[in-house]
PDB file of N, CA and C in Angstrom:
ATOM      1  N   MET A   1       8.249  16.589   8.799  1.00  0.00           N
ATOM      2  CA  MET A   1       9.540  17.279   9.162  1.00  0.00           C
ATOM      3  C   MET A   1      10.749  16.294   8.665  1.00  0.00           C
ATOM      4  N   VAL A   2      11.693  16.842   8.186  1.00  0.00           N
ATOM      5  CA  VAL A   2      12.896  16.092   7.590  1.00  0.00           C
ATOM      6  C   VAL A   2      14.071  16.365   8.786  1.00  0.00           C
ATOM      7  N   LEU A   3      14.731  15.173   9.054  1.00  0.00           N
ATOM      8  CA  LEU A   3      15.715  15.217   9.914  1.00  0.00           C
ATOM      9  C   LEU A   3      16.892  15.103   8.815  1.00  0.00           C
ATOM     10  N   GLN A   4      17.895  16.052   9.044  1.00  0.00           N
ATOM     11  CA  GLN A   4      19.057  15.855   8.294  1.00  0.00           C
ATOM     12  C   GLN A   4      20.246  15.641   9.118  1.00  0.00           C
ATOM     13  N   VAL A   5      21.038  14.787   8.941  1.00  0.00           N
ATOM     14  CA  VAL A   5      22.301  14.382   9.711  1.00  0.00           C
ATOM     15  C   VAL A   5      23.466  14.424   8.914  1.00  0.00           C
ATOM     16  N   ASN A   6      24.513  14.822   9.517  1.00  0.00           N
ATOM     17  CA  ASN A   6      25.858  14.592   8.613  1.00  0.00           C
ATOM     18  C   ASN A   6      26.342  13.161   8.584  1.00  0.00           C
ATOM     19  N   ILE A   7      27.197  12.710   7.683  1.00  0.00           N
ATOM     20  CA  ILE A   7      27.752  11.611   7.498  1.00  0.00           C
ATOM     21  C   ILE A   7      28.262  10.846   8.842  1.00  0.00           C
ATOM     22  N   HIS A   8      29.308  11.653   9.558  1.00  0.00           N
ATOM     23  CA  HIS A   8      29.574  11.218  10.888  1.00  0.00           C
ATOM     24  C   HIS A   8      28.728  10.843  11.713  1.00  0.00           C
ATOM     25  N   GLU A   9      27.874  11.777  12.005  1.00  0.00           N
ATOM     26  CA  GLU A   9      26.619  11.332  12.865  1.00  0.00           C
ATOM     27  C   GLU A   9      25.896  10.161  12.415  1.00  0.00           C
ATOM     28  N   ALA A  10      25.615   9.991  11.106  1.00  0.00           N
ATOM     29  CA  ALA A  10      24.883   8.906  10.577  1.00  0.00           C
ATOM     30  C   ALA A  10      25.730   7.605  10.952  1.00  0.00           C
ATOM     31  N   LYS A  11      27.059   7.651  10.818  1.00  0.00           N
ATOM     32  CA  LYS A  11      27.675   6.580  11.089  1.00  0.00           C
ATOM     33  C   LYS A  11      27.750   6.123  12.581  1.00  0.00           C
ATOM     34  N   THR A  12      27.794   7.155  13.429  1.00  0.00           N
ATOM     35  CA  THR A  12      27.861   6.818  14.829  1.00  0.00           C
ATOM     36  C   THR A  12      26.486   6.365  15.406  1.00  0.00           C
ATOM     37  N   GLN A  13      25.396   6.937  14.854  1.00  0.00           N
ATOM     38  CA  GLN A  13      24.004   6.762  15.163  1.00  0.00           C
ATOM     39  C   GLN A  13      23.136   5.937  14.285  1.00  0.00           C
ATOM     40  N   LEU A  14      23.827   5.076  13.473  1.00  0.00           N
ATOM     41  CA  LEU A  14      22.991   4.426  12.367  1.00  0.00           C
ATOM     42  C   LEU A  14      21.828   3.655  12.919  1.00  0.00           C
ATOM     43  N   SER A  15      21.977   2.840  13.961  1.00  0.00           N
ATOM     44  CA  SER A  15      20.995   2.049  14.489  1.00  0.00           C
ATOM     45  C   SER A  15      19.631   2.955  14.732  1.00  0.00           C
ATOM     46  N   LYS A  16      19.959   3.924  15.491  1.00  0.00           N
ATOM     47  CA  LYS A  16      18.702   5.046  15.957  1.00  0.00           C
ATOM     48  C   LYS A  16      18.230   5.789  14.797  1.00  0.00           C
ATOM     49  N   ILE A  17      19.052   6.034  13.667  1.00  0.00           N
ATOM     50  CA  ILE A  17      18.557   6.716  12.482  1.00  0.00           C
ATOM     51  C   ILE A  17      17.713   5.764  11.768  1.00  0.00           C
ATOM     52  N   ILE A  18      18.050   4.542  11.564  1.00  0.00           N
ATOM     53  CA  ILE A  18      17.352   3.716  10.890  1.00  0.00           C
ATOM     54  C   ILE A  18      15.865   3.333  11.493  1.00  0.00           C
ATOM     55  N   ALA A  19      15.973   3.160  12.701  1.00  0.00           N
ATOM     56  CA  ALA A  19      14.797   2.905  13.537  1.00  0.00           C
ATOM     57  C   ALA A  19      13.845   4.324  13.176  1.00  0.00           C
ATOM     58  N   ARG A  20      14.266   5.323  13.251  1.00  0.00           N
ATOM     59  CA  ARG A  20      13.356   6.762  13.113  1.00  0.00           C
ATOM     60  C   ARG A  20      12.753   6.591  11.437  1.00  0.00           C
ATOM     61  N   ALA A  21      13.768   6.227  10.601  1.00  0.00           N
ATOM     62  CA  ALA A  21      13.277   6.014   9.279  1.00  0.00           C
ATOM     63  C   ALA A  21      12.018   4.983   9.054  1.00  0.00           C
ATOM     64  N   CYS A  22      12.304   3.923   9.790  1.00  0.00           N
ATOM     65  CA  CYS A  22      11.242   2.747   9.946  1.00  0.00           C
ATOM     66  C   CYS A  22      10.101   3.328  10.427  1.00  0.00           C
ATOM     67  N   ARG A  23       9.905   4.270  11.349  1.00  0.00           N
ATOM     68  CA  ARG A  23       8.869   4.864  11.936  1.00  0.00           C
ATOM     69  C   ARG A  23       8.222   5.834  11.019  1.00  0.00           C
ATOM     70  N   GLY A  24       8.755   6.214   9.887  1.00  0.00           N
ATOM     71  CA  GLY A  24       8.198   7.036   9.007  1.00  0.00           C
ATOM     72  C   GLY A  24       8.878   8.312   8.942  1.00  0.00           C
ATOM     73  N   GLU A  25       9.803   8.677   9.572  1.00  0.00           N
ATOM     74  CA  GLU A  25      10.406  10.031   9.439  1.00  0.00           C
ATOM     75  C   GLU A  25      11.140   9.987   8.127  1.00  0.00           C
ATOM     76  N   GLU A  26      11.415  11.282   7.597  1.00  0.00           N
ATOM     77  CA  GLU A  26      12.218  11.393   6.477  1.00  0.00           C
ATOM     78  C   GLU A  26      13.656  11.735   6.968  1.00  0.00           C
ATOM     79  N   ILE A  27      14.663  10.978   6.499  1.00  0.00           N
ATOM     80  CA  ILE A  27      16.018  11.408   6.926  1.00  0.00           C
ATOM     81  C   ILE A  27      16.855  11.506   5.645  1.00  0.00           C
ATOM     82  N   VAL A  28      17.509  12.593   5.680  1.00  0.00           N
ATOM     83  CA  VAL A  28      18.468  13.022   4.781  1.00  0.00           C
ATOM     84  C   VAL A  28      19.914  13.150   5.223  1.00  0.00           C
ATOM     85  N   ILE A  29      20.879  12.369   4.653  1.00  0.00           N
ATOM     86  CA  ILE A  29      22.247  12.393   5.068  1.00  0.00           C
ATOM     87  C   ILE A  29      23.021  13.436   4.208  1.00  0.00           C
ATOM     88  N   ALA A  30      23.845  14.226   4.944  1.00  0.00           N
ATOM     89  CA  ALA A  30      24.391  15.292   4.138  1.00  0.00           C
ATOM     90  C   ALA A  30      25.810  15.323   4.412  1.00  0.00           C
ATOM     91  N   LYS A  31      26.627  15.825   3.475  1.00  0.00           N
ATOM     92  CA  LYS A  31      27.965  16.011   3.610  1.00  0.00           C
ATOM     93  C   LYS A  31      28.388  17.605   3.769  1.00  0.00           C
ATOM     94  N   ALA A  32      28.981  18.136   4.649  1.00  0.00           N
ATOM     95  CA  ALA A  32      29.306  19.476   4.667  1.00  0.00           C
ATOM     96  C   ALA A  32      28.002  20.281   4.564  1.00  0.00           C
ATOM     97  N   GLY A  33      26.954  19.847   5.190  1.00  0.00           N
ATOM     98  CA  GLY A  33      25.604  20.680   5.029  1.00  0.00           C
ATOM     99  C   GLY A  33      24.877  20.326   3.615  1.00  0.00           C
ATOM    100  N   ARG A  34      25.377  19.790   2.697  1.00  0.00           N
ATOM    101  CA  ARG A  34      24.934  19.582   1.384  1.00  0.00           C
ATOM    102  C   ARG A  34      24.184  18.276   1.388  1.00  0.00           C
ATOM    103  N   PRO A  35      22.931  18.078   1.041  1.00  0.00           N
ATOM    104  CA  PRO A  35      21.990  16.907   1.113  1.00  0.00           C
ATOM    105  C   PRO A  35      22.738  16.050  -0.076  1.00  0.00           C
ATOM    106  N   LEU A  36      22.899  14.556   0.436  1.00  0.00           N
ATOM    107  CA  LEU A  36      23.428  13.699  -0.523  1.00  0.00           C
ATOM    108  C   LEU A  36      22.447  12.456  -0.826  1.00  0.00           C
ATOM    109  N   VAL A  37      21.728  11.915   0.327  1.00  0.00           N
ATOM    110  CA  VAL A  37      20.972  10.764   0.091  1.00  0.00           C
ATOM    111  C   VAL A  37      19.737  10.933   1.023  1.00  0.00           C
ATOM    112  N   ARG A  38      18.776  10.241   0.623  1.00  0.00           N
ATOM    113  CA  ARG A  38      17.447  10.114   1.392  1.00  0.00           C
ATOM    114  C   ARG A  38      17.415   8.639   2.111  1.00  0.00           C
ATOM    115  N   LEU A  39      17.366   8.378   3.293  1.00  0.00           N
ATOM    116  CA  LEU A  39      17.107   7.177   3.859  1.00  0.00           C
ATOM    117  C   LEU A  39      15.630   6.794   4.010  1.00  0.00           C
ATOM    118  N   THR A  40      15.310   5.740   3.310  1.00  0.00           N
ATOM    119  CA  THR A  40      13.962   5.419   3.371  1.00  0.00           C
ATOM    120  C   THR A  40      13.627   3.892   3.765  1.00  0.00           C
ATOM    121  N   PRO A  41      12.732   3.387   4.382  1.00  0.00           N
ATOM    122  CA  PRO A  41      12.602   1.790   4.566  1.00  0.00           C
ATOM    123  C   PRO A  41      11.951   1.213   3.199  1.00  0.00           C
ATOM    124  N   ILE A  42      12.442  -0.029   3.212  1.00  0.00           N
ATOM    125  CA  ILE A  42      12.011  -0.909   2.244  1.00  0.00           C
ATOM    126  C   ILE A  42      10.600  -1.474   2.569  1.00  0.00           C
ATOM    127  N   GLU A  43       9.674  -1.246   1.658  1.00  0.00           N
ATOM    128  CA  GLU A  43       8.308  -1.940   2.217  1.00  0.00           C
ATOM    129  C   GLU A  43       8.331  -3.410   2.030  1.00  0.00           C
ATOM    130  N   GLN A  44       8.031  -4.037   3.064  1.00  0.00           N
ATOM    131  CA  GLN A  44       7.957  -5.422   3.452  1.00  0.00           C
ATOM    132  C   GLN A  44       6.855  -6.016   2.586  1.00  0.00           C
ATOM    133  N   GLN A  45       7.198  -7.117   1.715  1.00  0.00           N
ATOM    134  CA  GLN A  45       6.383  -7.758   0.931  1.00  0.00           C
ATOM    135  C   GLN A  45       6.063  -9.022   1.394  1.00  0.00           C
ATOM    136  N   PRO A  46       4.661  -9.439   1.550  1.00  0.00           N
ATOM    137  CA  PRO A  46       4.330 -10.812   2.066  1.00  0.00           C
ATOM    138  C   PRO A  46       5.084 -11.774   1.222  1.00  0.00           C
ATOM    139  N   SER A  47       5.645 -12.893   1.984  1.00  0.00           N
ATOM    140  CA  SER A  47       6.207 -13.887   1.414  1.00  0.00           C
ATOM    141  C   SER A  47       5.619 -14.654   0.209  1.00  0.00           C
ATOM    142  N   GLY A  48       4.444 -14.552   0.162  1.00  0.00           N
ATOM    143  CA  GLY A  48       3.619 -15.303  -0.826  1.00  0.00           C
ATOM    144  C   GLY A  48       3.278 -16.651  -0.509  1.00  0.00           C
ATOM    145  N   ARG A  49       3.911 -16.977   0.698  1.00  0.00           N
ATOM    146  CA  ARG A  49       3.581 -18.467   1.166  1.00  0.00           C
ATOM    147  C   ARG A  49       2.699 -18.384   2.340  1.00  0.00           C
ATOM    148  N   ARG A  50       1.754 -19.180   2.372  1.00  0.00           N
ATOM    149  CA  ARG A  50       0.804 -19.371   3.527  1.00  0.00           C
ATOM    150  C   ARG A  50       0.730 -20.792   3.825  1.00  0.00           C
ATOM    151  N   PHE A  51       0.784 -21.137   5.141  1.00  0.00           N
ATOM    152  CA  PHE A  51       0.634 -22.444   5.651  1.00  0.00           C
ATOM    153  C   PHE A  51      -0.680 -23.069   5.308  1.00  0.00           C
ATOM    154  N   GLY A  52      -0.759 -24.050   4.640  1.00  0.00           N
ATOM    155  CA  GLY A  52      -1.932 -24.659   4.442  1.00  0.00           C
ATOM    156  C   GLY A  52      -2.719 -24.091   3.035  1.00  0.00           C
ATOM    157  N   ALA A  53      -2.089 -23.323   2.298  1.00  0.00           N
ATOM    158  CA  ALA A  53      -2.600 -22.636   1.203  1.00  0.00           C
ATOM    159  C   ALA A  53      -3.149 -23.897   0.157  1.00  0.00           C
ATOM    160  N   LEU A  54      -2.477 -24.912   0.114  1.00  0.00           N
ATOM    161  CA  LEU A  54      -2.874 -26.031  -0.831  1.00  0.00           C
ATOM    162  C   LEU A  54      -3.729 -27.133  -0.128  1.00  0.00           C
ATOM    163  N   ARG A  55      -4.239 -26.816   0.926  1.00  0.00           N
ATOM    164  CA  ARG A  55      -4.988 -27.833   1.648  1.00  0.00           C
ATOM    165  C   ARG A  55      -6.362 -27.990   0.820  1.00  0.00           C
ATOM    166  N   GLY A  56      -6.674 -29.455   0.582  1.00  0.00           N
ATOM    167  CA  GLY A  56      -7.656 -29.611  -0.337  1.00  0.00           C
ATOM    168  C   GLY A  56      -7.442 -29.726  -1.846  1.00  0.00           C
ATOM    169  N   LYS A  57      -6.288 -29.253  -2.225  1.00  0.00           N
ATOM    170  CA  LYS A  57      -5.962 -28.911  -3.691  1.00  0.00           C
ATOM    171  C   LYS A  57      -4.852 -30.013  -4.185  1.00  0.00           C
ATOM    172  N   ALA A  58      -4.310 -30.583  -3.271  1.00  0.00           N
ATOM    173  CA  ALA A  58      -3.263 -31.696  -3.788  1.00  0.00           C
ATOM    174  C   ALA A  58      -3.754 -33.052  -3.031  1.00  0.00           C
ATOM    175  N   GLN A  59      -3.424 -33.970  -3.581  1.00  0.00           N
ATOM    176  CA  GLN A  59      -3.664 -35.567  -3.178  1.00  0.00           C
ATOM    177  C   GLN A  59      -2.486 -36.374  -3.312  1.00  0.00           C
ATOM    178  N   VAL A  60      -2.280 -37.106  -2.184  1.00  0.00           N
ATOM    179  CA  VAL A  60      -1.086 -38.113  -2.308  1.00  0.00           C
ATOM    180  C   VAL A  60      -1.667 -39.454  -1.980  1.00  0.00           C
ATOM    181  N   ASP A  61      -1.338 -40.301  -3.091  1.00  0.00           N
ATOM    182  CA  ASP A  61      -1.977 -41.548  -2.740  1.00  0.00           C
ATOM    183  C   ASP A  61      -0.900 -42.548  -2.171  1.00  0.00           C
ATOM    184  N   ASP A  62      -1.152 -43.828  -2.072  1.00  0.00           N
ATOM    185  CA  ASP A  62      -0.190 -44.774  -1.487  1.00  0.00           C
ATOM    186  C   ASP A  62       1.154 -44.969  -2.206  1.00  0.00           C
ATOM    187  N   ARG A  63       1.048 -44.687  -3.662  1.00  0.00           N
ATOM    188  CA  ARG A  63       2.285 -44.862  -4.451  1.00  0.00           C
ATOM    189  C   ARG A  63       3.387 -44.021  -4.029  1.00  0.00           C
ATOM    190  N   PHE A  64       3.051 -42.880  -3.341  1.00  0.00           N
ATOM    191  CA  PHE A  64       4.043 -41.728  -2.995  1.00  0.00           C
ATOM    192  C   PHE A  64       4.971 -42.353  -2.081  1.00  0.00           C
ATOM    193  N   PHE A  65       4.623 -43.313  -1.372  1.00  0.00           N
ATOM    194  CA  PHE A  65       5.427 -43.935  -0.251  1.00  0.00           C
ATOM    195  C   PHE A  65       6.110 -44.973  -0.684  1.00  0.00           C
ATOM    196  N   GLU A  66       5.833 -45.721  -1.945  1.00  0.00           N
ATOM    197  CA  GLU A  66       6.700 -46.764  -2.449  1.00  0.00           C
ATOM    198  C   GLU A  66       8.012 -46.392  -2.788  1.00  0.00           C
ATOM    199  N   PRO A  67       9.032 -47.257  -2.782  1.00  0.00           N
ATOM    200  CA  PRO A  67      10.331 -47.003  -3.027  1.00  0.00           C
ATOM    201  C   PRO A  67      10.358 -46.630  -4.377  1.00  0.00           C
ATOM    202  N   LEU A  68      11.551 -45.841  -4.921  1.00  0.00           N
ATOM    203  CA  LEU A  68      11.634 -45.389  -6.317  1.00  0.00           C
ATOM    204  C   LEU A  68      12.440 -46.587  -6.928  1.00  0.00           C
ATOM    205  N   PRO A  69      12.215 -46.759  -8.148  1.00  0.00           N
ATOM    206  CA  PRO A  69      12.929 -47.785  -9.110  1.00  0.00           C
ATOM    207  C   PRO A  69      14.418 -47.522  -8.882  1.00  0.00           C
ATOM    208  N   ASP A  70      15.306 -48.523  -9.012  1.00  0.00           N
ATOM    209  CA  ASP A  70      16.742 -48.343  -8.886  1.00  0.00           C
ATOM    210  C   ASP A  70      17.232 -47.183  -9.976  1.00  0.00           C
ATOM    211  N   ASP A  71      16.947 -47.331 -11.185  1.00  0.00           N
ATOM    212  CA  ASP A  71      17.337 -46.341 -12.194  1.00  0.00           C
ATOM    213  C   ASP A  71      17.045 -44.881 -11.739  1.00  0.00           C
ATOM    214  N   GLU A  72      15.972 -44.743 -11.173  1.00  0.00           N
ATOM    215  CA  GLU A  72      15.627 -43.193 -10.731  1.00  0.00           C
ATOM    216  C   GLU A  72      16.307 -42.994  -9.432  1.00  0.00           C
ATOM    217  N   LEU A  73      16.638 -43.884  -8.618  1.00  0.00           N
ATOM    218  CA  LEU A  73      17.324 -43.763  -7.454  1.00  0.00           C
ATOM    219  C   LEU A  73      18.885 -43.207  -7.828  1.00  0.00           C
ATOM    220  N   ARG A  74      19.361 -43.859  -8.844  1.00  0.00           N
ATOM    221  CA  ARG A  74      20.686 -43.718  -9.354  1.00  0.00           C
ATOM    222  C   ARG A  74      20.672 -42.134  -9.866  1.00  0.00           C
ATOM    223  N   ALA A  75      19.783 -41.668 -10.619  1.00  0.00           N
ATOM    224  CA  ALA A  75      19.732 -40.542 -11.124  1.00  0.00           C
ATOM    225  C   ALA A  75      19.765 -39.391 -10.165  1.00  0.00           C
ATOM    226  N   TRP A  76      19.314 -39.590  -8.948  1.00  0.00           N
ATOM    227  CA  TRP A  76      19.290 -38.535  -7.715  1.00  0.00           C
ATOM    228  C   TRP A  76      20.729 -38.656  -7.181  1.00  0.00           C
ATOM    229  N   GLU A  77      21.678 -39.654  -7.297  1.00  0.00           N
ATOM    230  CA  GLU A  77      22.682 -39.565  -6.792  1.00  0.00           C
ATOM    231  C   GLU A  77      23.829 -38.884  -7.457  1.00  0.00           C
TER     232      GLU A  77
END
């Protein structure tokens, strides 16, 4: 079922209309009874980052904790 609302109602009830669209309802916003736009949720994509994804794939030896040479420190400033 399609819910059609006019622009004024969409402005005053925006949070509720968005919630309905996120639940899967098809929402059409109209002006003077003429459909103008369809409100649809954006599909959420996984961030691509997982905690521990590199476990066992990267190694850090003791040199990592040694101070950087002066010329390299200056390059970072």
